[in-house]
Each structure stands twice: as C-alpha cells, then as structure tokens.
C-alpha cells in the first residue's frame, strides 16, 4: 500500500484567504520552514496505478496537478478509481463537482452521508452523465472490498468506524443526526498492511479503533480548546467544531505504529517550524503531515 497526502490543512487551507494570523503572514512571506497546505485529502493505492481518494477537497484539481501519480495516462483517463467520503462536510464534497467530466468513478460513503447529499444538488449534478457515478455504501464495522466503477477490485479493503463528530451545517434541517455522520477509515491491502485515517474527530477515545495499524492519520486541527477564541478570530471552541485538540490527544491517545497529525488549522502553532508545540509533537513520536508527503507500507 502507498498513500499520498494531497492536502494536510483544515477547512480554508493554509494560508487561509481571509486570515492574517502570524502563521498565515509567515507562509505568505515565504519564511523558511513555513509550508502552504491545501485542504485535507489522501490518495491510497495498492498497485500504484489505481487510487482511492479520501475526501474530494475544493482544491482537488490543484492537488491532482501537483501529483504526477494522478495524471491521466491517455486522452480520457484518470488513475482515480474511487472517492471515499468520511463525512458530508463542504470541505470534503465540493471537489466532486470538478470530477464530473465524463469519466466514471465509484463513490463510497455511509448511508447517512448519502441521504444528506441526495437532498442537495451534489449527487444530481454528478449523475448528469449516464454511468458517471456508481454509489456504494459503507457500513460501520464491516470491511468493504474497494472496486472501480466497473467492479474491478483495487486490491484494498476499507472498514468505516465511528468517529465522534457533528452533522454538517448544510445537512441541518433535512437530515437527522446519525453515528454514520462522521467516520474514520481503516484500510488493509492484500499483504495485510494497514492504514487508518481519522482526520476529523471530537474525542481522543478512539484508541481501540486506531491501535494496531501500521500508519495512523489523526485530527491535528487545533492545539488548544480555545485557540480561535484567544486569537480573537472566532467565538467557537474546538469542541464546537467537533475536533479534539492536539494537546489532549497527544497525552491520551496511546497507540503504536507510525502516527501523523493532519487536517491542521492555519492557527495551530505546530505549523511554525521552531515552536515549542511542534517540538513537543515530534518528541512524542508523532509526525506532522504536509502536502505531497508519501507513505509506503
């Protein structure tokens, strides 16, 4: 199995378009050690030819352009065989609109996420081309063999597990809350290698789902509960947005394997190359994801 980090930032990216915090100023000025990041997504493959993309971020076209592995091999082709949604957040579904140009792919998501998207224009827009979209549901706790739109196996299985979260804002009013609203993903290849992805999670009590994986990607959105409030950027706390702070998960999440924080908000001090928070993360054996990072298992 091989994974490419297409994007490692939280919603809004890094730098965020309307933010002048210290981190955003530093990356715009090109200060050493500050790396721009697009919104979170990874591409996973078993054979190096066909990829399953986790979450279709608004920057998916730029992410594809930056990663040659995802470039077309012929006049009408894509290595992207499937897209898997961990939830229905705008940051994870807007990129689907950019994948509508006559090339079929499989879209995996829970039934709850599908119901929410069926109420909007997302699914209808993608289905304007016959055969464009093959929707398949993920059931929590049940391994699913991934396949492309034609049913050809990709050599990977995925198991969705519940991850504490919240109903997407654009689902409110026409969808009921469900344990399937936000999930983590556990990938296994034919050689038995495993990778877990839980980039949005409100609790550090997910160790049972994450431990035992060769590689784990976990929620690195905020360093502290009141990060945005203290910076004067918002009245919302981390818990209000269903994210457990890194300062909490670093202490409570006791898991083995390779551990990587992703979905990092632009205000998080771990983005600063010499910050004490970054040093604390690295000293604890965790890594910090960046766009273009590659993982081989």
C-alpha atoms as a PDB file:
ATOM      1  CA  UNK A   1       0.000   0.000   0.000  1.00  0.00           C
ATOM      2  CA  UNK A   2       1.072   3.543  -0.737  1.00  0.00           C
ATOM      3  CA  UNK A   3      -0.551   6.790   0.378  1.00  0.00           C
ATOM      4  CA  UNK A   4      -0.022  10.316  -0.890  1.00  0.00           C
ATOM      5  CA  UNK A   5      -1.088  13.276   1.235  1.00  0.00           C
ATOM      6  CA  UNK A   6      -2.877  15.518  -1.249  1.00  0.00           C
ATOM      7  CA  UNK A   7      -3.791  18.087   1.393  1.00  0.00           C
ATOM      8  CA  UNK A   8      -2.967  18.407   5.098  1.00  0.00           C
ATOM      9  CA  UNK A   9      -4.792  21.591   6.125  1.00  0.00           C
ATOM     10  CA  UNK A  10      -8.145  22.073   7.796  1.00  0.00           C
ATOM     11  CA  UNK A  11     -11.002  23.931   6.116  1.00  0.00           C
ATOM     12  CA  UNK A  12      -9.823  27.121   4.460  1.00  0.00           C
ATOM     13  CA  UNK A  13      -6.320  25.833   3.769  1.00  0.00           C
ATOM     14  CA  UNK A  14      -3.015  27.367   4.820  1.00  0.00           C
ATOM     15  CA  UNK A  15      -2.761  30.271   4.417  1.00  0.00           C
ATOM     16  CA  UNK A  16      -6.470  30.914   4.790  1.00  0.00           C
ATOM     17  CA  UNK A  17      -7.731  33.500   2.308  1.00  0.00           C
ATOM     18  CA  UNK A  18      -9.084  35.904   4.929  1.00  0.00           C
ATOM     19  CA  UNK A  19      -6.644  35.334   7.776  1.00  0.00           C
ATOM     20  CA  UNK A  20      -3.730  37.482   8.852  1.00  0.00           C
ATOM     21  CA  UNK A  21      -2.632  35.420  11.849  1.00  0.00           C
ATOM     22  CA  UNK A  22       1.095  35.008  12.492  1.00  0.00           C
ATOM     23  CA  UNK A  23       1.241  31.656  10.693  1.00  0.00           C
ATOM     24  CA  UNK A  24      -0.587  32.892   7.586  1.00  0.00           C
ATOM     25  CA  UNK A  25       1.577  36.014   7.382  1.00  0.00           C
ATOM     26  CA  UNK A  26       4.714  33.890   7.681  1.00  0.00           C
ATOM     27  CA  UNK A  27       3.779  31.471   4.902  1.00  0.00           C
ATOM     28  CA  UNK A  28       2.737  34.309   2.579  1.00  0.00           C
ATOM     29  CA  UNK A  29       6.079  35.990   3.156  1.00  0.00           C
ATOM     30  CA  UNK A  30       7.895  32.755   2.374  1.00  0.00           C
ATOM     31  CA  UNK A  31       9.651  32.469   5.708  1.00  0.00           C
ATOM     32  CA  UNK A  32      11.823  29.331   5.990  1.00  0.00           C
ATOM     33  CA  UNK A  33      10.048  26.294   7.370  1.00  0.00           C
ATOM     34  CA  UNK A  34       6.511  27.504   6.741  1.00  0.00           C
ATOM     35  CA  UNK A  35       4.794  25.321   4.125  1.00  0.00           C
ATOM     36  CA  UNK A  36       1.486  26.117   2.425  1.00  0.00           C
ATOM     37  CA  UNK A  37      -1.091  23.339   2.653  1.00  0.00           C
ATOM     38  CA  UNK A  38      -4.353  22.607   0.850  1.00  0.00           C
ATOM     39  CA  UNK A  39      -7.440  21.114   2.481  1.00  0.00           C
ATOM     40  CA  UNK A  40      -7.229  17.565   3.766  1.00  0.00           C
ATOM     41  CA  UNK A  41      -7.234  14.565   1.459  1.00  0.00           C
ATOM     42  CA  UNK A  42      -5.139  11.480   0.795  1.00  0.00           C
ATOM     43  CA  UNK A  43      -4.868   9.089  -2.151  1.00  0.00           C
ATOM     44  CA  UNK A  44      -4.352   5.395  -1.384  1.00  0.00           C
ATOM     45  CA  UNK A  45      -3.238   2.695  -3.821  1.00  0.00           C
ATOM     46  CA  UNK A  46      -2.317  -0.976  -3.754  1.00  0.00           C
ATOM     47  CA  UNK A  47      -0.796  -1.190  -7.222  1.00  0.00           C
ATOM     48  CA  UNK A  48       0.489   2.317  -7.994  1.00  0.00           C
ATOM     49  CA  UNK A  49      -1.913   2.612 -10.916  1.00  0.00           C
ATOM     50  CA  UNK A  50      -5.393   2.941  -9.417  1.00  0.00           C
ATOM     51  CA  UNK A  51      -6.128   5.214  -6.479  1.00  0.00           C
ATOM     52  CA  UNK A  52      -8.889   5.713  -3.947  1.00  0.00           C
ATOM     53  CA  UNK A  53      -9.069   9.363  -2.892  1.00  0.00           C
ATOM     54  CA  UNK A  54     -10.301  10.089   0.616  1.00  0.00           C
ATOM     55  CA  UNK A  55     -12.445  13.239   0.542  1.00  0.00           C
ATOM     56  CA  UNK A  56     -12.732  15.480  -2.524  1.00  0.00           C
ATOM     57  CA  UNK A  57     -11.432  18.839  -1.343  1.00  0.00           C
ATOM     58  CA  UNK A  58     -12.218  22.118  -3.143  1.00  0.00           C
ATOM     59  CA  UNK A  59      -8.582  22.148  -4.350  1.00  0.00           C
ATOM     60  CA  UNK A  60      -8.666  18.686  -5.902  1.00  0.00           C
ATOM     61  CA  UNK A  61      -7.696  19.951  -9.379  1.00  0.00           C
ATOM     62  CA  UNK A  62      -4.578  21.634  -7.984  1.00  0.00           C
ATOM     63  CA  UNK A  63      -3.830  18.558  -5.883  1.00  0.00           C
ATOM     64  CA  UNK A  64      -4.025  16.308  -8.944  1.00  0.00           C
ATOM     65  CA  UNK A  65      -1.800  18.676 -10.903  1.00  0.00           C
ATOM     66  CA  UNK A  66       0.861  18.590  -8.174  1.00  0.00           C
ATOM     67  CA  UNK A  67       0.957  14.786  -8.042  1.00  0.00           C
ATOM     68  CA  UNK A  68       2.061  13.089 -11.253  1.00  0.00           C
ATOM     69  CA  UNK A  69       0.750   9.750  -9.978  1.00  0.00           C
ATOM     70  CA  UNK A  70      -2.772  11.102 -10.537  1.00  0.00           C
ATOM     71  CA  UNK A  71      -2.228  12.419 -14.066  1.00  0.00           C
ATOM     72  CA  UNK A  72      -4.174  10.860 -16.983  1.00  0.00           C
ATOM     73  CA  UNK A  73      -2.326   8.164 -18.945  1.00  0.00           C
ATOM     74  CA  UNK A  74      -4.287   8.680 -22.165  1.00  0.00           C
ATOM     75  CA  UNK A  75      -6.685  11.075 -23.901  1.00  0.00           C
ATOM     76  CA  UNK A  76      -9.534  10.288 -21.495  1.00  0.00           C
ATOM     77  CA  UNK A  77      -8.344   8.557 -18.346  1.00  0.00           C
ATOM     78  CA  UNK A  78      -7.733   9.027 -14.638  1.00  0.00           C
ATOM     79  CA  UNK A  79      -5.892   6.937 -12.035  1.00  0.00           C
ATOM     80  CA  UNK A  80      -8.626   7.993  -9.582  1.00  0.00           C
ATOM     81  CA  UNK A  81     -10.874   4.929  -9.467  1.00  0.00           C
ATOM     82  CA  UNK A  82     -12.829   5.747  -6.325  1.00  0.00           C
ATOM     83  CA  UNK A  83     -13.586   8.540  -3.881  1.00  0.00           C
ATOM     84  CA  UNK A  84     -14.378   7.800  -0.239  1.00  0.00           C
ATOM     85  CA  UNK A  85     -16.133  10.356   1.960  1.00  0.00           C
ATOM     86  CA  UNK A  86     -15.592  10.391   5.720  1.00  0.00           C
ATOM     87  CA  UNK A  87     -18.494  12.820   6.137  1.00  0.00           C
ATOM     88  CA  UNK A  88     -20.564  15.289   4.129  1.00  0.00           C
ATOM     89  CA  UNK A  89     -18.652  18.445   5.077  1.00  0.00           C
ATOM     90  CA  UNK A  90     -18.341  21.040   2.316  1.00  0.00           C
ATOM     91  CA  UNK A  91     -14.548  20.761   2.586  1.00  0.00           C
ATOM     92  CA  UNK A  92     -14.857  17.103   1.614  1.00  0.00           C
ATOM     93  CA  UNK A  93     -17.512  17.148  -1.112  1.00  0.00           C
ATOM     94  CA  UNK A  94     -17.058  20.356  -3.123  1.00  0.00           C
ATOM     95  CA  UNK A  95     -14.281  18.738  -5.155  1.00  0.00           C
ATOM     96  CA  UNK A  96     -16.801  16.244  -6.534  1.00  0.00           C
ATOM     97  CA  UNK A  97     -18.034  18.968  -8.870  1.00  0.00           C
ATOM     98  CA  UNK A  98     -14.592  19.003 -10.500  1.00  0.00           C
ATOM     99  CA  UNK A  99     -14.768  15.247 -11.169  1.00  0.00           C
ATOM    100  CA  UNK A 100     -17.883  15.341 -13.338  1.00  0.00           C
ATOM    101  CA  UNK A 101     -16.376  15.366 -16.841  1.00  0.00           C
ATOM    102  CA  UNK A 102     -17.489  12.040 -18.328  1.00  0.00           C
ATOM    103  CA  UNK A 103     -15.109   9.667 -16.531  1.00  0.00           C
ATOM    104  CA  UNK A 104     -16.892   7.162 -14.259  1.00  0.00           C
ATOM    105  CA  UNK A 105     -15.730   6.569 -10.695  1.00  0.00           C
ATOM    106  CA  UNK A 106     -17.072   4.838  -7.605  1.00  0.00           C
ATOM    107  CA  UNK A 107     -18.200   6.965  -4.672  1.00  0.00           C
ATOM    108  CA  UNK A 108     -18.152   5.338  -1.241  1.00  0.00           C
ATOM    109  CA  UNK A 109     -19.903   6.814   1.801  1.00  0.00           C
ATOM    110  CA  UNK A 110     -22.214   5.823   4.617  1.00  0.00           C
ATOM    111  CA  UNK A 111     -25.954   5.721   4.020  1.00  0.00           C
ATOM    112  CA  UNK A 112     -26.381   8.748   6.301  1.00  0.00           C
ATOM    113  CA  UNK A 113     -23.992  10.856   4.231  1.00  0.00           C
ATOM    114  CA  UNK A 114     -25.664   9.700   1.023  1.00  0.00           C
ATOM    115  CA  UNK A 115     -29.086  10.711   2.326  1.00  0.00           C
ATOM    116  CA  UNK A 116     -27.787  14.174   3.139  1.00  0.00           C
ATOM    117  CA  UNK A 117     -26.193  14.624  -0.275  1.00  0.00           C
ATOM    118  CA  UNK A 118     -29.269  13.278  -2.074  1.00  0.00           C
ATOM    119  CA  UNK A 119     -31.188  16.224  -0.622  1.00  0.00           C
ATOM    120  CA  UNK A 120     -28.788  18.666  -2.282  1.00  0.00           C
ATOM    121  CA  UNK A 121     -27.526  19.198  -5.821  1.00  0.00           C
ATOM    122  CA  UNK A 122     -24.355  17.177  -5.346  1.00  0.00           C
ATOM    123  CA  UNK A 123     -25.497  13.748  -6.449  1.00  0.00           C
ATOM    124  CA  UNK A 124     -27.867  15.054  -9.121  1.00  0.00           C
ATOM    125  CA  UNK A 125     -25.121  17.140 -10.713  1.00  0.00           C
ATOM    126  CA  UNK A 126     -22.701  14.232 -10.835  1.00  0.00           C
ATOM    127  CA  UNK A 127     -25.335  11.977 -12.366  1.00  0.00           C
ATOM    128  CA  UNK A 128     -25.990  14.210 -15.363  1.00  0.00           C
ATOM    129  CA  UNK A 129     -23.705  11.896 -17.367  1.00  0.00           C
ATOM    130  CA  UNK A 130     -25.064   8.357 -17.618  1.00  0.00           C
ATOM    131  CA  UNK A 131     -22.791   5.944 -15.803  1.00  0.00           C
ATOM    132  CA  UNK A 132     -20.705   8.785 -14.347  1.00  0.00           C
ATOM    133  CA  UNK A 133     -21.252   7.797 -10.747  1.00  0.00           C
ATOM    134  CA  UNK A 134     -21.517   4.448  -9.004  1.00  0.00           C
ATOM    135  CA  UNK A 135     -22.529   4.970  -5.376  1.00  0.00           C
ATOM    136  CA  UNK A 136     -21.687   2.292  -2.826  1.00  0.00           C
ATOM    137  CA  UNK A 137     -22.428   2.436   0.882  1.00  0.00           C
ATOM    138  CA  UNK A 138     -20.048   1.751   3.737  1.00  0.00           C
ATOM    139  CA  UNK A 139     -21.406   0.010   6.827  1.00  0.00           C
ATOM    140  CA  UNK A 140     -19.755   0.772  10.142  1.00  0.00           C
ATOM    141  CA  UNK A 141     -17.610  -2.142  11.262  1.00  0.00           C
ATOM    142  CA  UNK A 142     -17.943  -4.090   8.009  1.00  0.00           C
ATOM    143  CA  UNK A 143     -14.895  -4.441   5.710  1.00  0.00           C
ATOM    144  CA  UNK A 144     -15.677  -3.473   2.117  1.00  0.00           C
ATOM    145  CA  UNK A 145     -13.539  -4.526  -0.849  1.00  0.00           C
ATOM    146  CA  UNK A 146     -12.906  -1.395  -2.895  1.00  0.00           C
ATOM    147  CA  UNK A 147     -13.564  -1.544  -6.631  1.00  0.00           C
ATOM    148  CA  UNK A 148     -13.715   0.897  -9.516  1.00  0.00           C
ATOM    149  CA  UNK A 149     -16.935   1.875 -11.290  1.00  0.00           C
ATOM    150  CA  UNK A 150     -16.886  -1.321 -13.366  1.00  0.00           C
ATOM    151  CA  UNK A 151     -16.432  -3.535 -10.315  1.00  0.00           C
ATOM    152  CA  UNK A 152     -12.737  -4.249 -10.870  1.00  0.00           C
ATOM    153  CA  UNK A 153     -11.093  -4.787  -7.431  1.00  0.00           C
ATOM    154  CA  UNK A 154      -8.483  -2.241  -6.335  1.00  0.00           C
ATOM    155  CA  UNK A 155      -6.627  -4.613  -4.025  1.00  0.00           C
ATOM    156  CA  UNK A 156      -7.732  -2.719  -0.915  1.00  0.00           C
ATOM    157  CA  UNK A 157     -10.457  -3.155   1.645  1.00  0.00           C
ATOM    158  CA  UNK A 158     -11.798  -0.386   3.865  1.00  0.00           C
ATOM    159  CA  UNK A 159     -13.686  -0.542   7.129  1.00  0.00           C
ATOM    160  CA  UNK A 160     -15.526   2.504   8.452  1.00  0.00           C
ATOM    161  CA  UNK A 161     -15.543   3.066  12.205  1.00  0.00           C
ATOM    162  CA  UNK A 162     -17.472   5.694  14.183  1.00  0.00           C
ATOM    163  CA  UNK A 163     -15.601   8.914  14.931  1.00  0.00           C
ATOM    164  CA  UNK A 164     -17.160  11.475  17.244  1.00  0.00           C
ATOM    165  CA  UNK A 165     -18.354  14.364  15.095  1.00  0.00           C
ATOM    166  CA  UNK A 166     -21.335  16.514  14.193  1.00  0.00           C
ATOM    167  CA  UNK A 167     -23.882  16.938  11.437  1.00  0.00           C
ATOM    168  CA  UNK A 168     -22.564  19.098   8.565  1.00  0.00           C
ATOM    169  CA  UNK A 169     -24.067  22.576   8.625  1.00  0.00           C
ATOM    170  CA  UNK A 170     -25.631  22.163   5.178  1.00  0.00           C
ATOM    171  CA  UNK A 171     -27.362  18.947   6.331  1.00  0.00           C
ATOM    172  CA  UNK A 172     -29.080  20.661   9.263  1.00  0.00           C
ATOM    173  CA  UNK A 173     -32.818  20.892   8.690  1.00  0.00           C
ATOM    174  CA  UNK A 174     -33.136  17.997   6.265  1.00  0.00           C
ATOM    175  CA  UNK A 175     -31.079  15.208   7.839  1.00  0.00           C
ATOM    176  CA  UNK A 176     -31.203  13.548  11.247  1.00  0.00           C
ATOM    177  CA  UNK A 177     -28.077  13.024  13.312  1.00  0.00           C
ATOM    178  CA  UNK A 178     -26.586   9.560  12.985  1.00  0.00           C
ATOM    179  CA  UNK A 179     -23.481   7.658  14.173  1.00  0.00           C
ATOM    180  CA  UNK A 180     -22.664   7.438  10.453  1.00  0.00           C
ATOM    181  CA  UNK A 181     -22.375  11.218  10.007  1.00  0.00           C
ATOM    182  CA  UNK A 182     -18.614  11.140  10.587  1.00  0.00           C
ATOM    183  CA  UNK A 183     -16.395   8.086  10.292  1.00  0.00           C
ATOM    184  CA  UNK A 184     -12.779   7.089  10.346  1.00  0.00           C
ATOM    185  CA  UNK A 185     -11.403   4.648   7.788  1.00  0.00           C
ATOM    186  CA  UNK A 186      -9.243   1.558   8.206  1.00  0.00           C
ATOM    187  CA  UNK A 187      -7.514   0.367   5.017  1.00  0.00           C
ATOM    188  CA  UNK A 188      -5.987  -3.083   4.515  1.00  0.00           C
ATOM    189  CA  UNK A 189      -4.115  -4.316   1.450  1.00  0.00           C
ATOM    190  CA  UNK A 190      -3.683  -7.880   0.233  1.00  0.00           C
ATOM    191  CA  UNK A 191      -0.364  -8.129   2.087  1.00  0.00           C
ATOM    192  CA  UNK A 192      -2.051  -7.279   5.382  1.00  0.00           C
ATOM    193  CA  UNK A 193      -0.624  -3.774   5.729  1.00  0.00           C
ATOM    194  CA  UNK A 194      -2.957  -1.316   7.446  1.00  0.00           C
ATOM    195  CA  UNK A 195      -3.577   2.430   7.481  1.00  0.00           C
ATOM    196  CA  UNK A 196      -6.145   4.401   9.495  1.00  0.00           C
ATOM    197  CA  UNK A 197      -7.484   7.851   8.628  1.00  0.00           C
ATOM    198  CA  UNK A 198      -9.441   9.867  11.208  1.00  0.00           C
ATOM    199  CA  UNK A 199      -8.783  13.477  10.268  1.00  0.00           C
ATOM    200  CA  UNK A 200     -11.869  14.880  11.978  1.00  0.00           C
ATOM    201  CA  UNK A 201     -12.631  13.583  15.441  1.00  0.00           C
ATOM    202  CA  UNK A 202     -14.078  15.158  18.575  1.00  0.00           C
ATOM    203  CA  UNK A 203     -12.669  12.631  21.018  1.00  0.00           C
ATOM    204  CA  UNK A 204      -9.346  11.088  21.958  1.00  0.00           C
ATOM    205  CA  UNK A 205     -11.164   7.912  22.979  1.00  0.00           C
ATOM    206  CA  UNK A 206     -10.599   6.318  19.578  1.00  0.00           C
ATOM    207  CA  UNK A 207      -7.571   4.238  20.521  1.00  0.00           C
ATOM    208  CA  UNK A 208      -9.376   0.928  20.144  1.00  0.00           C
ATOM    209  CA  UNK A 209     -10.138   1.745  16.511  1.00  0.00           C
ATOM    210  CA  UNK A 210      -6.664   3.095  15.740  1.00  0.00           C
ATOM    211  CA  UNK A 211      -4.223   0.896  17.624  1.00  0.00           C
ATOM    212  CA  UNK A 212      -2.638  -1.925  15.666  1.00  0.00           C
ATOM    213  CA  UNK A 213      -2.414  -0.030  12.376  1.00  0.00           C
ATOM    214  CA  UNK A 214       0.918   0.383  10.631  1.00  0.00           C
ATOM    215  CA  UNK A 215       0.116   4.053   9.972  1.00  0.00           C
ATOM    216  CA  UNK A 216      -2.437   6.370  11.588  1.00  0.00           C
ATOM    217  CA  UNK A 217      -3.526   9.810  10.383  1.00  0.00           C
ATOM    218  CA  UNK A 218      -5.343  11.715  13.128  1.00  0.00           C
ATOM    219  CA  UNK A 219      -7.054  15.049  13.752  1.00  0.00           C
ATOM    220  CA  UNK A 220      -4.474  17.820  14.151  1.00  0.00           C
ATOM    221  CA  UNK A 221      -6.844  20.764  13.725  1.00  0.00           C
ATOM    222  CA  UNK A 222      -6.197  22.786  16.873  1.00  0.00           C
ATOM    223  CA  UNK A 223      -3.531  22.803  19.557  1.00  0.00           C
ATOM    224  CA  UNK A 224      -5.848  24.006  22.332  1.00  0.00           C
ATOM    225  CA  UNK A 225      -9.577  24.084  23.001  1.00  0.00           C
ATOM    226  CA  UNK A 226      -9.737  27.896  22.912  1.00  0.00           C
ATOM    227  CA  UNK A 227      -7.225  28.535  20.126  1.00  0.00           C
ATOM    228  CA  UNK A 228      -9.526  30.611  17.910  1.00  0.00           C
ATOM    229  CA  UNK A 229     -11.130  32.430  20.831  1.00  0.00           C
ATOM    230  CA  UNK A 230      -7.785  33.510  22.312  1.00  0.00           C
ATOM    231  CA  UNK A 231      -6.630  34.724  18.901  1.00  0.00           C
ATOM    232  CA  UNK A 232      -9.786  36.816  18.580  1.00  0.00           C
ATOM    233  CA  UNK A 233     -10.718  35.023  15.359  1.00  0.00           C
ATOM    234  CA  UNK A 234     -13.903  33.270  16.447  1.00  0.00           C
ATOM    235  CA  UNK A 235     -16.258  32.624  19.330  1.00  0.00           C
ATOM    236  CA  UNK A 236     -16.156  28.892  18.643  1.00  0.00           C
ATOM    237  CA  UNK A 237     -14.167  26.381  20.648  1.00  0.00           C
ATOM    238  CA  UNK A 238     -12.599  23.209  19.270  1.00  0.00           C
ATOM    239  CA  UNK A 239     -15.411  21.110  20.749  1.00  0.00           C
ATOM    240  CA  UNK A 240     -17.995  23.262  18.964  1.00  0.00           C
ATOM    241  CA  UNK A 241     -16.471  22.161  15.660  1.00  0.00           C
ATOM    242  CA  UNK A 242     -16.046  18.532  16.770  1.00  0.00           C
ATOM    243  CA  UNK A 243     -12.257  18.499  16.998  1.00  0.00           C
ATOM    244  CA  UNK A 244     -10.165  17.186  19.868  1.00  0.00           C
ATOM    245  CA  UNK A 245      -7.126  19.455  20.476  1.00  0.00           C
ATOM    246  CA  UNK A 246      -3.669  18.053  19.769  1.00  0.00           C
ATOM    247  CA  UNK A 247      -2.589  18.939  23.310  1.00  0.00           C
ATOM    248  CA  UNK A 248      -5.246  16.486  24.531  1.00  0.00           C
ATOM    249  CA  UNK A 249      -4.828  13.650  22.016  1.00  0.00           C
ATOM    250  CA  UNK A 250      -1.048  13.790  22.397  1.00  0.00           C
ATOM    251  CA  UNK A 251      -1.483  12.818  26.032  1.00  0.00           C
ATOM    252  CA  UNK A 252      -4.479  10.495  25.854  1.00  0.00           C
ATOM    253  CA  UNK A 253      -4.129   8.665  22.541  1.00  0.00           C
ATOM    254  CA  UNK A 254      -1.799   5.768  23.284  1.00  0.00           C
ATOM    255  CA  UNK A 255      -1.281   3.879  20.041  1.00  0.00           C
ATOM    256  CA  UNK A 256       1.582   2.179  18.262  1.00  0.00           C
ATOM    257  CA  UNK A 257       2.754   2.369  14.668  1.00  0.00           C
ATOM    258  CA  UNK A 258       3.561   5.467  12.667  1.00  0.00           C
ATOM    259  CA  UNK A 259       1.428   8.411  13.853  1.00  0.00           C
ATOM    260  CA  UNK A 260       0.742  11.535  11.798  1.00  0.00           C
ATOM    261  CA  UNK A 261      -1.310  14.645  12.540  1.00  0.00           C
ATOM    262  CA  UNK A 262      -3.247  16.067   9.593  1.00  0.00           C
ATOM    263  CA  UNK A 263      -6.206  18.441   8.964  1.00  0.00           C
ATOM    264  CA  UNK A 264      -4.159  21.201  10.626  1.00  0.00           C
ATOM    265  CA  UNK A 265      -5.780  24.595  11.097  1.00  0.00           C
ATOM    266  CA  UNK A 266      -3.869  27.687   9.984  1.00  0.00           C
ATOM    267  CA  UNK A 267      -3.735  28.945  13.592  1.00  0.00           C
ATOM    268  CA  UNK A 268      -2.135  25.807  15.027  1.00  0.00           C
ATOM    269  CA  UNK A 269       1.357  26.572  16.404  1.00  0.00           C
ATOM    270  CA  UNK A 270       2.671  23.193  15.229  1.00  0.00           C
ATOM    271  CA  UNK A 271       2.861  24.767  11.756  1.00  0.00           C
ATOM    272  CA  UNK A 272       5.626  27.072  13.000  1.00  0.00           C
ATOM    273  CA  UNK A 273       8.990  25.340  12.413  1.00  0.00           C
ATOM    274  CA  UNK A 274      10.611  26.311  15.720  1.00  0.00           C
ATOM    275  CA  UNK A 275       7.601  26.360  18.037  1.00  0.00           C
ATOM    276  CA  UNK A 276       7.697  24.521  21.343  1.00  0.00           C
ATOM    277  CA  UNK A 277       4.415  22.855  20.398  1.00  0.00           C
ATOM    278  CA  UNK A 278       5.900  21.384  17.222  1.00  0.00           C
ATOM    279  CA  UNK A 279       8.921  20.140  19.152  1.00  0.00           C
ATOM    280  CA  UNK A 280       6.606  18.538  21.706  1.00  0.00           C
ATOM    281  CA  UNK A 281       4.699  16.701  18.972  1.00  0.00           C
ATOM    282  CA  UNK A 282       7.865  15.410  17.321  1.00  0.00           C
ATOM    283  CA  UNK A 283       9.411  14.408  20.648  1.00  0.00           C
ATOM    284  CA  UNK A 284       6.325  12.303  21.374  1.00  0.00           C
ATOM    285  CA  UNK A 285       6.918  10.311  18.192  1.00  0.00           C
ATOM    286  CA  UNK A 286       4.253  11.953  16.062  1.00  0.00           C
ATOM    287  CA  UNK A 287       4.759  13.434  12.604  1.00  0.00           C
ATOM    288  CA  UNK A 288       3.094  16.455  11.005  1.00  0.00           C
ATOM    289  CA  UNK A 289       1.572  15.912   7.570  1.00  0.00           C
ATOM    290  CA  UNK A 290       2.334  18.144   4.602  1.00  0.00           C
ATOM    291  CA  UNK A 291       1.109  18.257   1.017  1.00  0.00           C
ATOM    292  CA  UNK A 292       2.999  15.755  -1.110  1.00  0.00           C
ATOM    293  CA  UNK A 293       4.031  13.551   1.808  1.00  0.00           C
ATOM    294  CA  UNK A 294       4.245   9.912   0.706  1.00  0.00           C
ATOM    295  CA  UNK A 295       3.836   6.819   2.848  1.00  0.00           C
ATOM    296  CA  UNK A 296       4.883   3.357   1.675  1.00  0.00           C
ATOM    297  CA  UNK A 297       3.891   0.276   3.640  1.00  0.00           C
END
